[in-house]
Amino acid sequence: MSGQLAWIKSSHSDAHGTCVEWTPEHASGSNVFPVRGSKDTAWAAFVDGVREHARRR
């Protein structure tokens, strides 16, 4: 990853300042999805959601 990434809020973010952001530009060219959370609770919820989705597959 070089240069500045354009981070956007996930549609799963809430209005209370708890958000997860990702970089679609980087993801489309590399199949790597950089993500970051604004708070520990946002990150924990994101990771839980990914785990739950993986279990259903």
PDB file of N, CA and C in Angstrom:
ATOM      1  N   MET A   1       0.856  -1.174   0.000  1.00  0.00           N
ATOM      2  CA  MET A   1       0.000   0.000   0.000  1.00  0.00           C
ATOM      3  C   MET A   1       0.895   1.229   0.000  1.00  0.00           C
ATOM      4  N   SER A   2       0.790   1.997  -1.007  1.00  0.00           N
ATOM      5  CA  SER A   2       1.601   3.203  -1.051  1.00  0.00           C
ATOM      6  C   SER A   2       0.708   4.426  -1.126  1.00  0.00           C
ATOM      7  N   GLY A   3       1.169   5.523  -0.580  1.00  0.00           N
ATOM      8  CA  GLY A   3       0.402   6.752  -0.612  1.00  0.00           C
ATOM      9  C   GLY A   3      -0.751   6.739   0.366  1.00  0.00           C
ATOM     10  N   GLN A   4      -1.590   7.723   0.231  1.00  0.00           N
ATOM     11  CA  GLN A   4      -2.756   7.850   1.104  1.00  0.00           C
ATOM     12  C   GLN A   4      -3.908   6.999   0.592  1.00  0.00           C
ATOM     13  N   LEU A   5      -4.550   6.312   1.470  1.00  0.00           N
ATOM     14  CA  LEU A   5      -5.739   5.535   1.117  1.00  0.00           C
ATOM     15  C   LEU A   5      -6.977   6.364   1.407  1.00  0.00           C
ATOM     16  N   ALA A   6      -7.981   6.205   0.579  1.00  0.00           N
ATOM     17  CA  ALA A   6      -9.262   6.877   0.807  1.00  0.00           C
ATOM     18  C   ALA A   6     -10.144   5.946   1.629  1.00  0.00           C
ATOM     19  N   TRP A   7     -10.344   6.262   2.888  1.00  0.00           N
ATOM     20  CA  TRP A   7     -11.142   5.442   3.796  1.00  0.00           C
ATOM     21  C   TRP A   7     -12.598   5.880   3.726  1.00  0.00           C
ATOM     22  N   ILE A   8     -13.518   4.924   3.676  1.00  0.00           N
ATOM     23  CA  ILE A   8     -14.951   5.244   3.722  1.00  0.00           C
ATOM     24  C   ILE A   8     -15.591   4.441   4.843  1.00  0.00           C
ATOM     25  N   LYS A   9     -16.674   4.984   5.389  1.00  0.00           N
ATOM     26  CA  LYS A   9     -17.388   4.294   6.465  1.00  0.00           C
ATOM     27  C   LYS A   9     -18.202   3.139   5.906  1.00  0.00           C
ATOM     28  N   SER A  10     -18.175   2.051   6.617  1.00  0.00           N
ATOM     29  CA  SER A  10     -18.993   0.902   6.265  1.00  0.00           C
ATOM     30  C   SER A  10     -20.460   1.233   6.487  1.00  0.00           C
ATOM     31  N   SER A  11     -21.317   0.586   5.743  1.00  0.00           N
ATOM     32  CA  SER A  11     -22.763   0.779   5.935  1.00  0.00           C
ATOM     33  C   SER A  11     -23.208   0.230   7.283  1.00  0.00           C
ATOM     34  N   HIS A  12     -22.357  -0.523   7.960  1.00  0.00           N
ATOM     35  CA  HIS A  12     -22.683  -1.077   9.276  1.00  0.00           C
ATOM     36  C   HIS A  12     -22.284  -0.152  10.417  1.00  0.00           C
ATOM     37  N   SER A  13     -21.765   1.031  10.095  1.00  0.00           N
ATOM     38  CA  SER A  13     -21.399   1.996  11.126  1.00  0.00           C
ATOM     39  C   SER A  13     -22.660   2.600  11.712  1.00  0.00           C
ATOM     40  N   ASP A  14     -22.540   3.130  12.931  1.00  0.00           N
ATOM     41  CA  ASP A  14     -23.727   3.723  13.544  1.00  0.00           C
ATOM     42  C   ASP A  14     -23.546   5.222  13.773  1.00  0.00           C
ATOM     43  N   ALA A  15     -24.586   5.863  14.239  1.00  0.00           N
ATOM     44  CA  ALA A  15     -24.594   7.322  14.427  1.00  0.00           C
ATOM     45  C   ALA A  15     -23.955   7.760  15.735  1.00  0.00           C
ATOM     46  N   HIS A  16     -23.433   6.816  16.500  1.00  0.00           N
ATOM     47  CA  HIS A  16     -22.862   7.142  17.808  1.00  0.00           C
ATOM     48  C   HIS A  16     -21.336   7.213  17.778  1.00  0.00           C
ATOM     49  N   GLY A  17     -20.764   7.361  16.594  1.00  0.00           N
ATOM     50  CA  GLY A  17     -19.326   7.470  16.470  1.00  0.00           C
ATOM     51  C   GLY A  17     -18.593   6.149  16.436  1.00  0.00           C
ATOM     52  N   THR A  18     -19.340   5.060  16.422  1.00  0.00           N
ATOM     53  CA  THR A  18     -18.742   3.740  16.335  1.00  0.00           C
ATOM     54  C   THR A  18     -18.769   3.325  14.872  1.00  0.00           C
ATOM     55  N   CYS A  19     -17.601   3.255  14.262  1.00  0.00           N
ATOM     56  CA  CYS A  19     -17.614   2.930  12.844  1.00  0.00           C
ATOM     57  C   CYS A  19     -16.444   2.041  12.460  1.00  0.00           C
ATOM     58  N   VAL A  20     -16.641   1.350  11.361  1.00  0.00           N
ATOM     59  CA  VAL A  20     -15.599   0.574  10.724  1.00  0.00           C
ATOM     60  C   VAL A  20     -15.422   1.180   9.346  1.00  0.00           C
ATOM     61  N   GLU A  21     -14.177   1.416   8.954  1.00  0.00           N
ATOM     62  CA  GLU A  21     -13.888   1.995   7.649  1.00  0.00           C
ATOM     63  C   GLU A  21     -13.074   1.004   6.823  1.00  0.00           C
ATOM     64  N   TRP A  22     -13.174   1.138   5.501  1.00  0.00           N
ATOM     65  CA  TRP A  22     -12.431   0.279   4.603  1.00  0.00           C
ATOM     66  C   TRP A  22     -12.011   1.073   3.376  1.00  0.00           C
ATOM     67  N   THR A  23     -11.131   0.491   2.554  1.00  0.00           N
ATOM     68  CA  THR A  23     -10.611   1.184   1.374  1.00  0.00           C
ATOM     69  C   THR A  23     -10.952   0.406   0.112  1.00  0.00           C
ATOM     70  N   PRO A  24     -12.063   0.760  -0.550  1.00  0.00           N
ATOM     71  CA  PRO A  24     -12.480   0.012  -1.742  1.00  0.00           C
ATOM     72  C   PRO A  24     -11.496   0.101  -2.900  1.00  0.00           C
ATOM     73  N   GLU A  25     -10.801   1.217  -3.042  1.00  0.00           N
ATOM     74  CA  GLU A  25      -9.839   1.354  -4.144  1.00  0.00           C
ATOM     75  C   GLU A  25      -8.730   0.313  -4.045  1.00  0.00           C
ATOM     76  N   HIS A  26      -8.206   0.145  -2.842  1.00  0.00           N
ATOM     77  CA  HIS A  26      -7.136  -0.834  -2.647  1.00  0.00           C
ATOM     78  C   HIS A  26      -7.681  -2.250  -2.825  1.00  0.00           C
ATOM     79  N   ALA A  27      -8.862  -2.494  -2.305  1.00  0.00           N
ATOM     80  CA  ALA A  27      -9.453  -3.828  -2.367  1.00  0.00           C
ATOM     81  C   ALA A  27      -9.709  -4.266  -3.806  1.00  0.00           C
ATOM     82  N   SER A  28     -10.145  -3.361  -4.666  1.00  0.00           N
ATOM     83  CA  SER A  28     -10.487  -3.748  -6.028  1.00  0.00           C
ATOM     84  C   SER A  28      -9.268  -4.170  -6.839  1.00  0.00           C
ATOM     85  N   GLY A  29      -8.087  -3.672  -6.496  1.00  0.00           N
ATOM     86  CA  GLY A  29      -6.902  -4.018  -7.265  1.00  0.00           C
ATOM     87  C   GLY A  29      -6.074  -5.141  -6.677  1.00  0.00           C
ATOM     88  N   SER A  30      -6.356  -5.514  -5.435  1.00  0.00           N
ATOM     89  CA  SER A  30      -5.461  -6.466  -4.777  1.00  0.00           C
ATOM     90  C   SER A  30      -6.157  -7.639  -4.094  1.00  0.00           C
ATOM     91  N   ASN A  31      -7.457  -7.575  -3.963  1.00  0.00           N
ATOM     92  CA  ASN A  31      -8.219  -8.566  -3.199  1.00  0.00           C
ATOM     93  C   ASN A  31      -7.804  -8.608  -1.730  1.00  0.00           C
ATOM     94  N   VAL A  32      -7.222  -7.526  -1.249  1.00  0.00           N
ATOM     95  CA  VAL A  32      -6.887  -7.339   0.158  1.00  0.00           C
ATOM     96  C   VAL A  32      -7.772  -6.207   0.658  1.00  0.00           C
ATOM     97  N   PHE A  33      -8.445  -6.418   1.771  1.00  0.00           N
ATOM     98  CA  PHE A  33      -9.409  -5.450   2.265  1.00  0.00           C
ATOM     99  C   PHE A  33      -8.941  -4.813   3.569  1.00  0.00           C
ATOM    100  N   PRO A  34      -8.177  -3.714   3.485  1.00  0.00           N
ATOM    101  CA  PRO A  34      -7.766  -3.034   4.709  1.00  0.00           C
ATOM    102  C   PRO A  34      -8.983  -2.461   5.428  1.00  0.00           C
ATOM    103  N   VAL A  35      -9.078  -2.703   6.705  1.00  0.00           N
ATOM    104  CA  VAL A  35     -10.166  -2.158   7.512  1.00  0.00           C
ATOM    105  C   VAL A  35      -9.588  -1.565   8.788  1.00  0.00           C
ATOM    106  N   ARG A  36     -10.320  -0.623   9.356  1.00  0.00           N
ATOM    107  CA  ARG A  36      -9.926  -0.056  10.646  1.00  0.00           C
ATOM    108  C   ARG A  36     -11.182   0.299  11.409  1.00  0.00           C
ATOM    109  N   GLY A  37     -11.095   0.274  12.713  1.00  0.00           N
ATOM    110  CA  GLY A  37     -12.213   0.618  13.574  1.00  0.00           C
ATOM    111  C   GLY A  37     -11.919   1.884  14.342  1.00  0.00           C
ATOM    112  N   SER A  38     -12.961   2.675  14.579  1.00  0.00           N
ATOM    113  CA  SER A  38     -12.769   3.930  15.304  1.00  0.00           C
ATOM    114  C   SER A  38     -12.690   3.716  16.810  1.00  0.00           C
ATOM    115  N   LYS A  39     -13.266   2.640  17.278  1.00  0.00           N
ATOM    116  CA  LYS A  39     -13.267   2.331  18.708  1.00  0.00           C
ATOM    117  C   LYS A  39     -13.120   0.824  18.874  1.00  0.00           C
ATOM    118  N   ASP A  40     -12.647   0.416  20.020  1.00  0.00           N
ATOM    119  CA  ASP A  40     -12.494  -1.016  20.271  1.00  0.00           C
ATOM    120  C   ASP A  40     -13.806  -1.765  20.109  1.00  0.00           C
ATOM    121  N   THR A  41     -14.911  -1.148  20.525  1.00  0.00           N
ATOM    122  CA  THR A  41     -16.207  -1.824  20.414  1.00  0.00           C
ATOM    123  C   THR A  41     -16.604  -2.014  18.956  1.00  0.00           C
ATOM    124  N   ALA A  42     -16.280  -1.047  18.107  1.00  0.00           N
ATOM    125  CA  ALA A  42     -16.588  -1.177  16.677  1.00  0.00           C
ATOM    126  C   ALA A  42     -15.788  -2.322  16.078  1.00  0.00           C
ATOM    127  N   TRP A  43     -14.527  -2.383  16.442  1.00  0.00           N
ATOM    128  CA  TRP A  43     -13.672  -3.433  15.903  1.00  0.00           C
ATOM    129  C   TRP A  43     -14.131  -4.802  16.374  1.00  0.00           C
ATOM    130  N   ALA A  44     -14.463  -4.921  17.631  1.00  0.00           N
ATOM    131  CA  ALA A  44     -14.916  -6.201  18.179  1.00  0.00           C
ATOM    132  C   ALA A  44     -16.200  -6.654  17.487  1.00  0.00           C
ATOM    133  N   ALA A  45     -17.124  -5.734  17.260  1.00  0.00           N
ATOM    134  CA  ALA A  45     -18.374  -6.077  16.577  1.00  0.00           C
ATOM    135  C   ALA A  45     -18.103  -6.511  15.140  1.00  0.00           C
ATOM    136  N   PHE A  46     -17.181  -5.836  14.473  1.00  0.00           N
ATOM    137  CA  PHE A  46     -16.824  -6.199  13.101  1.00  0.00           C
ATOM    138  C   PHE A  46     -16.246  -7.613  13.053  1.00  0.00           C
ATOM    139  N   VAL A  47     -15.288  -7.896  13.926  1.00  0.00           N
ATOM    140  CA  VAL A  47     -14.655  -9.211  13.952  1.00  0.00           C
ATOM    141  C   VAL A  47     -15.687 -10.293  14.268  1.00  0.00           C
ATOM    142  N   ASP A  48     -16.583 -10.036  15.200  1.00  0.00           N
ATOM    143  CA  ASP A  48     -17.643 -10.992  15.518  1.00  0.00           C
ATOM    144  C   ASP A  48     -18.520 -11.259  14.295  1.00  0.00           C
ATOM    145  N   GLY A  49     -18.838 -10.215  13.553  1.00  0.00           N
ATOM    146  CA  GLY A  49     -19.652 -10.364  12.346  1.00  0.00           C
ATOM    147  C   GLY A  49     -18.959 -11.192  11.279  1.00  0.00           C
ATOM    148  N   VAL A  50     -17.665 -10.975  11.106  1.00  0.00           N
ATOM    149  CA  VAL A  50     -16.902 -11.760  10.135  1.00  0.00           C
ATOM    150  C   VAL A  50     -16.867 -13.231  10.559  1.00  0.00           C
ATOM    151  N   ARG A  51     -16.644 -13.474  11.828  1.00  0.00           N
ATOM    152  CA  ARG A  51     -16.629 -14.859  12.316  1.00  0.00           C
ATOM    153  C   ARG A  51     -17.979 -15.544  12.103  1.00  0.00           C
ATOM    154  N   GLU A  52     -19.047 -14.834  12.408  1.00  0.00           N
ATOM    155  CA  GLU A  52     -20.380 -15.407  12.238  1.00  0.00           C
ATOM    156  C   GLU A  52     -20.651 -15.727  10.770  1.00  0.00           C
ATOM    157  N   HIS A  53     -20.257 -14.816   9.895  1.00  0.00           N
ATOM    158  CA  HIS A  53     -20.438 -15.051   8.457  1.00  0.00           C
ATOM    159  C   HIS A  53     -19.639 -16.275   8.000  1.00  0.00           C
ATOM    160  N   ALA A  54     -18.409 -16.404   8.493  1.00  0.00           N
ATOM    161  CA  ALA A  54     -17.572 -17.542   8.115  1.00  0.00           C
ATOM    162  C   ALA A  54     -18.180 -18.866   8.589  1.00  0.00           C
ATOM    163  N   ARG A  55     -18.815 -18.867   9.753  1.00  0.00           N
ATOM    164  CA  ARG A  55     -19.429 -20.090  10.266  1.00  0.00           C
ATOM    165  C   ARG A  55     -20.599 -20.537   9.401  1.00  0.00           C
ATOM    166  N   ARG A  56     -21.288 -19.586   8.803  1.00  0.00           N
ATOM    167  CA  ARG A  56     -22.472 -19.910   7.993  1.00  0.00           C
ATOM    168  C   ARG A  56     -22.115 -20.453   6.625  1.00  0.00           C
ATOM    169  N   ARG A  57     -20.896 -20.315   6.203  1.00  0.00           N
ATOM    170  CA  ARG A  57     -20.498 -20.741   4.858  1.00  0.00           C
ATOM    171  C   ARG A  57     -20.224 -22.202   4.779  1.00  0.00           C
TER     172      ARG A  57
END
